[in-house]
Amino acid sequence: MSEEKRKEALEKGEMDIRAKRAGMFQKLTFKLVRHNTAFGKVPYLTLDRFLDISELMRISEEYSLPVQAKNGKVFPRGKKESDFAGL
């Protein structure tokens, strides 16, 4: 299921994701941004707001993509930046 969501996010370029923020569920728009790294271009689901690290981890696991917000970057468990180069 996460592979299907990852493909959808890579094709669309942005995703509306339901996340818990400040104790309430909100639908937040994450944009897909490709960052240049030493390994090549790496796609990140990016949010321009603060979001709890636990929610960032949940979204990262659900979509099998790195997630970035104002308070940090998160990768799915057992993955690192070089695993996503070239997607």
C-alpha atoms as a PDB file:
ATOM      1  CA  MET A   1       0.000   0.000   0.000  1.00  0.00           C
ATOM      2  CA  SER A   2       2.816   2.446   0.754  1.00  0.00           C
ATOM      3  CA  GLU A   3       4.294   1.813  -2.697  1.00  0.00           C
ATOM      4  CA  GLU A   4       0.992   2.881  -4.285  1.00  0.00           C
ATOM      5  CA  LYS A   5       0.902   6.036  -2.178  1.00  0.00           C
ATOM      6  CA  ARG A   6       4.524   6.798  -3.036  1.00  0.00           C
ATOM      7  CA  LYS A   7       3.825   6.461  -6.773  1.00  0.00           C
ATOM      8  CA  GLU A   8       0.785   8.699  -6.447  1.00  0.00           C
ATOM      9  CA  ALA A   9       2.769  11.372  -4.570  1.00  0.00           C
ATOM     10  CA  LEU A  10       5.601  11.274  -7.125  1.00  0.00           C
ATOM     11  CA  GLU A  11       3.140  11.635 -10.020  1.00  0.00           C
ATOM     12  CA  LYS A  12       0.954  14.390  -8.539  1.00  0.00           C
ATOM     13  CA  GLY A  13       3.689  16.524  -7.006  1.00  0.00           C
ATOM     14  CA  GLU A  14       1.610  17.278  -3.895  1.00  0.00           C
ATOM     15  CA  MET A  15      -0.612  15.400  -1.471  1.00  0.00           C
ATOM     16  CA  ASP A  16      -3.384  16.376   0.943  1.00  0.00           C
ATOM     17  CA  ILE A  17      -2.658  14.358   4.082  1.00  0.00           C
ATOM     18  CA  ARG A  18      -4.727  14.170   7.259  1.00  0.00           C
ATOM     19  CA  ALA A  19      -2.431  14.875  10.209  1.00  0.00           C
ATOM     20  CA  LYS A  20      -2.872  15.650  13.890  1.00  0.00           C
ATOM     21  CA  ARG A  21      -1.631  19.163  14.575  1.00  0.00           C
ATOM     22  CA  ALA A  22      -2.089  21.060  17.849  1.00  0.00           C
ATOM     23  CA  GLY A  23      -4.420  18.347  19.133  1.00  0.00           C
ATOM     24  CA  MET A  24      -6.767  18.507  16.138  1.00  0.00           C
ATOM     25  CA  PHE A  25      -6.884  16.607  12.875  1.00  0.00           C
ATOM     26  CA  GLN A  26      -6.215  18.829   9.880  1.00  0.00           C
ATOM     27  CA  LYS A  27      -5.823  18.212   6.176  1.00  0.00           C
ATOM     28  CA  LEU A  28      -2.390  19.583   5.259  1.00  0.00           C
ATOM     29  CA  THR A  29      -0.932  19.962   1.757  1.00  0.00           C
ATOM     30  CA  PHE A  30       2.548  18.486   1.391  1.00  0.00           C
ATOM     31  CA  LYS A  31       4.433  19.470  -1.767  1.00  0.00           C
ATOM     32  CA  LEU A  32       7.000  17.226  -3.395  1.00  0.00           C
ATOM     33  CA  VAL A  33      10.318  19.079  -3.620  1.00  0.00           C
ATOM     34  CA  ARG A  34      13.486  17.562  -5.064  1.00  0.00           C
ATOM     35  CA  HIS A  35      16.674  18.582  -3.230  1.00  0.00           C
ATOM     36  CA  ASN A  36      20.128  18.294  -4.759  1.00  0.00           C
ATOM     37  CA  THR A  37      22.399  16.151  -2.605  1.00  0.00           C
ATOM     38  CA  ALA A  38      25.715  14.391  -3.005  1.00  0.00           C
ATOM     39  CA  PHE A  39      23.765  11.291  -4.090  1.00  0.00           C
ATOM     40  CA  GLY A  40      21.625  13.079  -6.700  1.00  0.00           C
ATOM     41  CA  LYS A  41      18.136  14.547  -6.523  1.00  0.00           C
ATOM     42  CA  VAL A  42      16.117  13.302  -3.549  1.00  0.00           C
ATOM     43  CA  PRO A  43      12.329  13.873  -3.325  1.00  0.00           C
ATOM     44  CA  TYR A  44      10.919  15.184  -0.028  1.00  0.00           C
ATOM     45  CA  LEU A  45       7.299  15.675   0.978  1.00  0.00           C
ATOM     46  CA  THR A  46       7.623  19.222   2.313  1.00  0.00           C
ATOM     47  CA  LEU A  47       5.408  21.185   4.688  1.00  0.00           C
ATOM     48  CA  ASP A  48       5.964  24.869   5.460  1.00  0.00           C
ATOM     49  CA  ARG A  49       4.677  24.543   9.058  1.00  0.00           C
ATOM     50  CA  PHE A  50       5.768  22.926  12.292  1.00  0.00           C
ATOM     51  CA  LEU A  51       4.451  19.400  12.868  1.00  0.00           C
ATOM     52  CA  ASP A  52       5.169  16.905  15.656  1.00  0.00           C
ATOM     53  CA  ILE A  53       8.017  14.514  14.904  1.00  0.00           C
ATOM     54  CA  SER A  54       5.726  11.556  15.631  1.00  0.00           C
ATOM     55  CA  GLU A  55       3.321  12.714  12.888  1.00  0.00           C
ATOM     56  CA  LEU A  56       6.221  13.280  10.488  1.00  0.00           C
ATOM     57  CA  MET A  57       7.395   9.717  11.175  1.00  0.00           C
ATOM     58  CA  ARG A  58       3.907   8.314  10.584  1.00  0.00           C
ATOM     59  CA  ILE A  59       3.590  10.135   7.251  1.00  0.00           C
ATOM     60  CA  SER A  60       7.082   9.115   6.207  1.00  0.00           C
ATOM     61  CA  GLU A  61       6.301   5.444   6.918  1.00  0.00           C
ATOM     62  CA  GLU A  62       2.897   5.665   5.230  1.00  0.00           C
ATOM     63  CA  TYR A  63       4.234   7.188   1.995  1.00  0.00           C
ATOM     64  CA  SER A  64       7.711   5.579   2.004  1.00  0.00           C
ATOM     65  CA  LEU A  65       9.277   8.968   1.305  1.00  0.00           C
ATOM     66  CA  PRO A  66      11.391  11.401   3.311  1.00  0.00           C
ATOM     67  CA  VAL A  67       9.358  14.183   4.935  1.00  0.00           C
ATOM     68  CA  GLN A  68      10.561  17.680   5.756  1.00  0.00           C
ATOM     69  CA  ALA A  69       8.919  20.368   7.884  1.00  0.00           C
ATOM     70  CA  LYS A  70      10.186  23.499   9.608  1.00  0.00           C
ATOM     71  CA  ASN A  71      11.329  21.459  12.597  1.00  0.00           C
ATOM     72  CA  GLY A  72      13.337  18.796  10.748  1.00  0.00           C
ATOM     73  CA  LYS A  73      13.695  15.974   8.228  1.00  0.00           C
ATOM     74  CA  VAL A  74      12.474  12.428   8.787  1.00  0.00           C
ATOM     75  CA  PHE A  75      13.155   9.226   6.846  1.00  0.00           C
ATOM     76  CA  PRO A  76      11.277   5.908   6.953  1.00  0.00           C
ATOM     77  CA  ARG A  77      12.759   3.335   9.333  1.00  0.00           C
ATOM     78  CA  GLY A  78      15.912   1.679   8.049  1.00  0.00           C
ATOM     79  CA  LYS A  79      16.297   4.130   5.157  1.00  0.00           C
ATOM     80  CA  LYS A  80      18.680   6.988   4.497  1.00  0.00           C
ATOM     81  CA  GLU A  81      18.941   9.798   1.984  1.00  0.00           C
ATOM     82  CA  SER A  82      20.901   7.787  -0.577  1.00  0.00           C
ATOM     83  CA  ASP A  83      18.078   5.181  -0.784  1.00  0.00           C
ATOM     84  CA  PHE A  84      15.808   7.797  -2.411  1.00  0.00           C
ATOM     85  CA  ALA A  85      18.245   9.267  -4.934  1.00  0.00           C
ATOM     86  CA  GLY A  86      16.901   9.185  -8.467  1.00  0.00           C
ATOM     87  CA  LEU A  87      13.202   8.622  -7.655  1.00  0.00           C
END
